[in-house]
Amino acid sequence: VQLQASGGGLVQAGDSLRLSCAASGRTFSSYAVGWFRQAPGKEREFIAAITWNGGRLDYANFLKGRFTISRDNAKNTVSLQMNSLKPEDTAVYYCAADIDRKIGSAITTASRYDYWGQGTLVTVSS
């Protein structure tokens, strides 16, 4: 499967953005998808993840409800709605995917995903 992340941009603190991860491949509906981000000089960190049917959602604790992940398997897309953005949310955001039954319960672990998009830059100004 190939992934294409989009929707990043330059916004002000408090604004919202919606990132999209578009996937090729007719088996995408069997894949778990995660969003991760990497800020300059920092390690990649987990943001959110969703299982193949949306039955399980996971979020990083520090988000405190500001972000929402969703998917539309008919359109082969996974979205990340980001609200109340803060300057510390500035990073390159990556979507990742892999077969749900292969990842199992480890959907928050970056190393468990074999397929990655190219990343989309989100910049939040204060």
N, C-alpha and C. Protein backbone atom coordinates (compact mmCIF):
# COMPACT_ATOMS: atom_id res chain seq x y z
N VAL A 1 0.85 -1.18 0.00
CA VAL A 1 0.00 0.00 0.00
C VAL A 1 0.88 1.24 0.00
N GLN A 2 0.45 2.27 -0.72
CA GLN A 2 1.17 3.55 -0.75
C GLN A 2 0.31 4.61 -0.07
N LEU A 3 0.95 5.46 0.69
CA LEU A 3 0.24 6.46 1.48
C LEU A 3 0.65 7.86 1.06
N GLN A 4 -0.31 8.76 1.05
CA GLN A 4 -0.06 10.16 0.71
C GLN A 4 -0.72 11.03 1.76
N ALA A 5 0.10 11.70 2.56
CA ALA A 5 -0.42 12.61 3.58
C ALA A 5 -0.55 14.02 3.01
N SER A 6 -1.59 14.71 3.40
CA SER A 6 -1.81 16.07 2.93
C SER A 6 -2.58 16.86 3.96
N GLY A 7 -2.68 18.16 3.74
CA GLY A 7 -3.49 19.01 4.59
C GLY A 7 -2.72 19.90 5.53
N GLY A 8 -1.42 19.76 5.57
CA GLY A 8 -0.62 20.60 6.44
C GLY A 8 -0.58 22.04 5.95
N GLY A 9 -0.05 22.90 6.79
CA GLY A 9 0.06 24.30 6.41
C GLY A 9 0.47 25.16 7.58
N LEU A 10 0.42 26.45 7.37
CA LEU A 10 0.77 27.43 8.39
C LEU A 10 -0.52 28.01 8.96
N VAL A 11 -0.70 27.88 10.26
CA VAL A 11 -1.88 28.40 10.93
C VAL A 11 -1.47 29.12 12.20
N GLN A 12 -2.43 29.80 12.80
CA GLN A 12 -2.17 30.49 14.06
C GLN A 12 -2.64 29.63 15.23
N ALA A 13 -2.09 29.90 16.38
CA ALA A 13 -2.51 29.18 17.58
C ALA A 13 -4.01 29.32 17.77
N GLY A 14 -4.65 28.20 18.09
CA GLY A 14 -6.10 28.18 18.26
C GLY A 14 -6.86 27.75 17.03
N ASP A 15 -6.20 27.76 15.89
CA ASP A 15 -6.85 27.35 14.64
C ASP A 15 -6.98 25.84 14.55
N SER A 16 -7.64 25.40 13.50
CA SER A 16 -7.83 23.98 13.23
C SER A 16 -7.26 23.60 11.87
N LEU A 17 -6.88 22.35 11.75
CA LEU A 17 -6.46 21.78 10.47
C LEU A 17 -6.98 20.36 10.39
N ARG A 18 -7.19 19.91 9.17
CA ARG A 18 -7.60 18.52 8.96
C ARG A 18 -6.59 17.88 8.02
N LEU A 19 -5.89 16.90 8.53
CA LEU A 19 -4.94 16.15 7.71
C LEU A 19 -5.63 14.93 7.12
N SER A 20 -5.20 14.57 5.93
CA SER A 20 -5.73 13.38 5.28
C SER A 20 -4.60 12.45 4.88
N CYS A 21 -4.88 11.18 4.96
CA CYS A 21 -3.95 10.14 4.52
C CYS A 21 -4.69 9.31 3.49
N ALA A 22 -4.29 9.46 2.24
CA ALA A 22 -4.93 8.72 1.16
C ALA A 22 -4.09 7.50 0.82
N ALA A 23 -4.74 6.37 0.67
CA ALA A 23 -4.03 5.12 0.43
C ALA A 23 -4.43 4.50 -0.89
N SER A 24 -3.46 3.89 -1.52
CA SER A 24 -3.75 3.10 -2.71
C SER A 24 -3.82 1.65 -2.30
N GLY A 25 -4.48 0.85 -3.08
CA GLY A 25 -4.56 -0.57 -2.75
C GLY A 25 -5.93 -0.95 -2.24
N ARG A 26 -6.47 -2.00 -2.77
CA ARG A 26 -7.84 -2.38 -2.46
C ARG A 26 -7.98 -3.08 -1.13
N THR A 27 -6.87 -3.37 -0.44
CA THR A 27 -6.96 -4.04 0.85
C THR A 27 -6.80 -3.08 2.01
N PHE A 28 -6.87 -1.79 1.73
CA PHE A 28 -6.64 -0.79 2.78
C PHE A 28 -7.58 -0.98 3.95
N SER A 29 -8.76 -1.48 3.69
CA SER A 29 -9.73 -1.64 4.76
C SER A 29 -9.29 -2.66 5.81
N SER A 30 -8.26 -3.43 5.52
CA SER A 30 -7.76 -4.38 6.50
C SER A 30 -6.54 -3.86 7.26
N TYR A 31 -6.21 -2.59 7.05
CA TYR A 31 -5.03 -2.00 7.65
C TYR A 31 -5.38 -1.11 8.84
N ALA A 32 -4.56 -1.21 9.86
CA ALA A 32 -4.58 -0.20 10.92
C ALA A 32 -3.76 1.00 10.44
N VAL A 33 -4.12 2.17 10.90
CA VAL A 33 -3.43 3.39 10.48
C VAL A 33 -3.09 4.22 11.71
N GLY A 34 -1.89 4.73 11.71
CA GLY A 34 -1.46 5.60 12.79
C GLY A 34 -0.94 6.93 12.25
N TRP A 35 -1.07 7.95 13.08
CA TRP A 35 -0.47 9.26 12.80
C TRP A 35 0.66 9.48 13.81
N PHE A 36 1.77 9.93 13.31
CA PHE A 36 2.92 10.24 14.14
C PHE A 36 3.44 11.61 13.71
N ARG A 37 4.24 12.22 14.55
CA ARG A 37 4.82 13.51 14.17
C ARG A 37 6.25 13.59 14.66
N GLN A 38 6.99 14.45 13.98
CA GLN A 38 8.38 14.67 14.36
C GLN A 38 8.69 16.15 14.25
N ALA A 39 9.00 16.73 15.38
CA ALA A 39 9.40 18.13 15.43
C ALA A 39 10.91 18.23 15.26
N PRO A 40 11.40 19.39 14.82
CA PRO A 40 12.84 19.56 14.64
C PRO A 40 13.63 19.24 15.90
N GLY A 41 14.62 18.37 15.76
CA GLY A 41 15.46 18.02 16.89
C GLY A 41 14.85 17.06 17.88
N LYS A 42 13.67 16.55 17.56
CA LYS A 42 13.00 15.63 18.48
C LYS A 42 12.74 14.29 17.80
N GLU A 43 12.47 13.30 18.61
CA GLU A 43 12.15 11.99 18.07
C GLU A 43 10.70 11.95 17.58
N ARG A 44 10.45 11.00 16.70
CA ARG A 44 9.09 10.82 16.22
C ARG A 44 8.21 10.34 17.37
N GLU A 45 7.00 10.88 17.46
CA GLU A 45 6.11 10.50 18.55
C GLU A 45 4.73 10.13 18.02
N PHE A 46 4.08 9.29 18.78
CA PHE A 46 2.75 8.81 18.44
C PHE A 46 1.73 9.90 18.70
N ILE A 47 0.74 10.00 17.77
CA ILE A 47 -0.35 10.95 17.93
C ILE A 47 -1.68 10.22 18.09
N ALA A 48 -2.04 9.43 17.10
CA ALA A 48 -3.33 8.76 17.12
C ALA A 48 -3.29 7.54 16.21
N ALA A 49 -4.18 6.60 16.45
CA ALA A 49 -4.25 5.41 15.61
C ALA A 49 -5.67 4.88 15.58
N ILE A 50 -5.97 4.14 14.52
CA ILE A 50 -7.31 3.59 14.35
C ILE A 50 -7.18 2.20 13.73
N THR A 51 -7.96 1.26 14.23
CA THR A 51 -7.93 -0.08 13.70
C THR A 51 -8.69 -0.17 12.38
N TRP A 52 -8.67 -1.33 11.77
CA TRP A 52 -9.17 -1.46 10.40
C TRP A 52 -10.62 -1.03 10.24
N ASN A 53 -11.42 -1.27 11.27
CA ASN A 53 -12.84 -0.94 11.15
C ASN A 53 -13.25 0.22 12.04
N GLY A 54 -12.26 0.89 12.61
CA GLY A 54 -12.57 2.01 13.50
C GLY A 54 -13.05 1.58 14.86
N GLY A 55 -12.92 0.30 15.15
CA GLY A 55 -13.43 -0.19 16.42
C GLY A 55 -12.58 0.20 17.61
N ARG A 56 -11.35 0.53 17.35
CA ARG A 56 -10.47 0.99 18.43
C ARG A 56 -9.75 2.24 17.96
N LEU A 57 -9.78 3.24 18.84
CA LEU A 57 -9.06 4.48 18.61
C LEU A 57 -8.09 4.68 19.76
N ASP A 58 -6.91 5.15 19.44
CA ASP A 58 -5.92 5.44 20.48
C ASP A 58 -5.37 6.84 20.25
N TYR A 59 -5.14 7.55 21.33
CA TYR A 59 -4.60 8.90 21.24
C TYR A 59 -3.47 9.07 22.26
N ALA A 60 -2.53 9.93 21.91
CA ALA A 60 -1.51 10.30 22.87
C ALA A 60 -2.15 11.06 24.02
N ASN A 61 -1.73 10.76 25.22
CA ASN A 61 -2.36 11.36 26.39
C ASN A 61 -2.27 12.89 26.39
N PHE A 62 -1.19 13.42 25.87
CA PHE A 62 -0.98 14.87 25.97
C PHE A 62 -1.93 15.66 25.07
N LEU A 63 -2.64 14.99 24.16
CA LEU A 63 -3.54 15.71 23.26
C LEU A 63 -4.75 16.26 23.98
N LYS A 64 -5.21 15.59 24.99
CA LYS A 64 -6.33 16.05 25.81
C LYS A 64 -7.56 16.38 24.98
N GLY A 65 -7.86 15.51 24.02
CA GLY A 65 -9.10 15.62 23.27
C GLY A 65 -9.08 16.61 22.13
N ARG A 66 -7.95 17.18 21.81
CA ARG A 66 -7.92 18.20 20.76
C ARG A 66 -7.96 17.59 19.35
N PHE A 67 -7.48 16.36 19.20
CA PHE A 67 -7.40 15.72 17.88
C PHE A 67 -8.38 14.56 17.80
N THR A 68 -8.89 14.31 16.60
CA THR A 68 -9.80 13.19 16.35
C THR A 68 -9.39 12.47 15.08
N ILE A 69 -9.23 11.16 15.19
CA ILE A 69 -8.89 10.35 14.02
C ILE A 69 -10.15 9.64 13.53
N SER A 70 -10.27 9.51 12.22
CA SER A 70 -11.42 8.81 11.64
C SER A 70 -10.98 8.21 10.31
N ARG A 71 -11.80 7.34 9.78
CA ARG A 71 -11.46 6.72 8.50
C ARG A 71 -12.71 6.49 7.67
N ASP A 72 -12.50 6.45 6.37
CA ASP A 72 -13.55 6.14 5.41
C ASP A 72 -12.96 5.08 4.48
N ASN A 73 -13.26 3.83 4.74
CA ASN A 73 -12.66 2.75 3.95
C ASN A 73 -13.15 2.75 2.51
N ALA A 74 -14.34 3.28 2.29
CA ALA A 74 -14.85 3.35 0.91
C ALA A 74 -14.01 4.30 0.08
N LYS A 75 -13.41 5.30 0.73
CA LYS A 75 -12.59 6.28 0.03
C LYS A 75 -11.10 6.06 0.27
N ASN A 76 -10.76 5.01 1.01
CA ASN A 76 -9.35 4.72 1.31
C ASN A 76 -8.64 5.91 1.95
N THR A 77 -9.29 6.52 2.89
CA THR A 77 -8.68 7.67 3.56
C THR A 77 -8.83 7.58 5.07
N VAL A 78 -7.85 8.13 5.74
CA VAL A 78 -7.90 8.32 7.18
C VAL A 78 -7.62 9.80 7.44
N SER A 79 -8.41 10.39 8.30
CA SER A 79 -8.28 11.82 8.58
C SER A 79 -7.87 12.06 10.02
N LEU A 80 -7.22 13.18 10.22
CA LEU A 80 -6.87 13.63 11.57
C LEU A 80 -7.34 15.06 11.70
N GLN A 81 -8.39 15.25 12.46
CA GLN A 81 -8.91 16.59 12.73
C GLN A 81 -8.17 17.16 13.93
N MET A 82 -7.53 18.29 13.74
CA MET A 82 -6.73 18.90 14.79
C MET A 82 -7.32 20.25 15.15
N ASN A 83 -7.76 20.38 16.39
CA ASN A 83 -8.37 21.61 16.87
C ASN A 83 -7.50 22.25 17.94
N SER A 84 -7.76 23.53 18.17
CA SER A 84 -7.04 24.26 19.22
C SER A 84 -5.53 24.06 19.11
N LEU A 85 -5.02 24.26 17.94
CA LEU A 85 -3.60 24.00 17.70
C LEU A 85 -2.72 24.95 18.51
N LYS A 86 -1.58 24.42 18.93
CA LYS A 86 -0.62 25.17 19.72
C LYS A 86 0.72 25.21 18.99
N PRO A 87 1.54 26.17 19.30
CA PRO A 87 2.86 26.23 18.65
C PRO A 87 3.66 24.92 18.83
N GLU A 88 3.48 24.26 19.95
CA GLU A 88 4.20 23.00 20.18
C GLU A 88 3.69 21.85 19.33
N ASP A 89 2.61 22.07 18.58
CA ASP A 89 2.13 21.06 17.63
C ASP A 89 2.89 21.14 16.30
N THR A 90 3.73 22.13 16.16
CA THR A 90 4.51 22.28 14.94
C THR A 90 5.40 21.08 14.73
N ALA A 91 5.26 20.44 13.57
CA ALA A 91 6.00 19.22 13.27
C ALA A 91 5.65 18.75 11.87
N VAL A 92 6.40 17.78 11.41
CA VAL A 92 6.00 17.04 10.21
C VAL A 92 5.15 15.86 10.68
N TYR A 93 3.99 15.75 10.10
CA TYR A 93 3.04 14.70 10.49
C TYR A 93 3.07 13.59 9.44
N TYR A 94 3.18 12.38 9.92
CA TYR A 94 3.25 11.20 9.05
C TYR A 94 2.10 10.25 9.34
N CYS A 95 1.55 9.68 8.28
CA CYS A 95 0.63 8.58 8.49
C CYS A 95 1.35 7.28 8.16
N ALA A 96 0.96 6.24 8.84
CA ALA A 96 1.57 4.93 8.67
C ALA A 96 0.46 3.88 8.68
N ALA A 97 0.72 2.78 7.99
CA ALA A 97 -0.30 1.74 7.91
C ALA A 97 0.35 0.37 7.88
N ASP A 98 -0.38 -0.60 8.35
CA ASP A 98 0.04 -1.99 8.22
C ASP A 98 -1.17 -2.88 8.51
N ILE A 99 -1.05 -4.11 8.14
CA ILE A 99 -2.15 -5.06 8.30
C ILE A 99 -2.54 -5.14 9.77
N ASP A 100 -3.81 -4.96 10.00
CA ASP A 100 -4.30 -4.83 11.38
C ASP A 100 -3.94 -6.06 12.21
N ARG A 101 -4.12 -7.25 11.66
CA ARG A 101 -3.88 -8.45 12.47
C ARG A 101 -2.39 -8.65 12.72
N LYS A 102 -1.55 -8.02 11.91
CA LYS A 102 -0.10 -8.11 12.11
C LYS A 102 0.33 -7.21 13.27
N ILE A 103 -0.27 -6.03 13.33
CA ILE A 103 0.10 -5.08 14.38
C ILE A 103 -0.51 -5.49 15.70
N GLY A 104 -1.70 -6.00 15.65
CA GLY A 104 -2.37 -6.41 16.89
C GLY A 104 -2.62 -5.24 17.80
N SER A 105 -2.23 -5.37 19.05
CA SER A 105 -2.50 -4.33 20.04
C SER A 105 -1.48 -3.20 20.01
N ALA A 106 -0.45 -3.32 19.19
CA ALA A 106 0.65 -2.34 19.19
C ALA A 106 0.44 -1.21 18.20
N ILE A 107 -0.78 -0.71 18.06
CA ILE A 107 -1.05 0.30 17.03
C ILE A 107 -0.44 1.66 17.38
N THR A 108 0.07 1.82 18.59
CA THR A 108 0.70 3.09 18.96
C THR A 108 2.22 3.07 18.75
N THR A 109 2.75 1.97 18.28
CA THR A 109 4.20 1.78 18.17
C THR A 109 4.66 1.97 16.73
N ALA A 110 5.47 2.99 16.49
CA ALA A 110 5.89 3.32 15.14
C ALA A 110 6.63 2.18 14.45
N SER A 111 7.44 1.48 15.19
CA SER A 111 8.27 0.42 14.59
C SER A 111 7.45 -0.76 14.09
N ARG A 112 6.18 -0.82 14.45
CA ARG A 112 5.34 -1.92 14.00
C ARG A 112 4.73 -1.68 12.62
N TYR A 113 4.87 -0.46 12.11
CA TYR A 113 4.28 -0.12 10.82
C TYR A 113 5.34 -0.21 9.71
N ASP A 114 4.98 -0.86 8.64
CA ASP A 114 5.91 -1.01 7.52
C ASP A 114 5.69 0.03 6.42
N TYR A 115 4.52 0.65 6.37
CA TYR A 115 4.20 1.56 5.27
C TYR A 115 4.02 2.97 5.82
N TRP A 116 4.72 3.91 5.19
CA TRP A 116 4.71 5.29 5.66
C TRP A 116 4.47 6.25 4.50
N GLY A 117 3.72 7.31 4.80
CA GLY A 117 3.59 8.39 3.84
C GLY A 117 4.78 9.32 3.94
N GLN A 118 4.80 10.34 3.09
CA GLN A 118 5.95 11.22 2.99
C GLN A 118 5.95 12.33 4.05
N GLY A 119 4.87 12.52 4.72
CA GLY A 119 4.79 13.56 5.73
C GLY A 119 4.23 14.86 5.20
N THR A 120 3.56 15.58 6.07
CA THR A 120 3.03 16.89 5.73
C THR A 120 3.35 17.84 6.89
N LEU A 121 3.85 19.02 6.56
CA LEU A 121 4.33 19.96 7.57
C LEU A 121 3.19 20.80 8.13
N VAL A 122 3.12 20.83 9.43
CA VAL A 122 2.18 21.69 10.15
C VAL A 122 2.99 22.69 10.96
N THR A 123 2.72 23.97 10.72
CA THR A 123 3.41 25.03 11.44
C THR A 123 2.37 25.89 12.14
N VAL A 124 2.49 26.01 13.44
CA VAL A 124 1.54 26.80 14.22
C VAL A 124 2.28 27.99 14.82
N SER A 125 1.85 29.17 14.43
CA SER A 125 2.49 30.38 14.93
C SER A 125 1.75 30.89 16.17
N SER A 126 2.49 31.55 17.02
CA SER A 126 1.89 32.06 18.28
C SER A 126 1.31 33.45 18.09
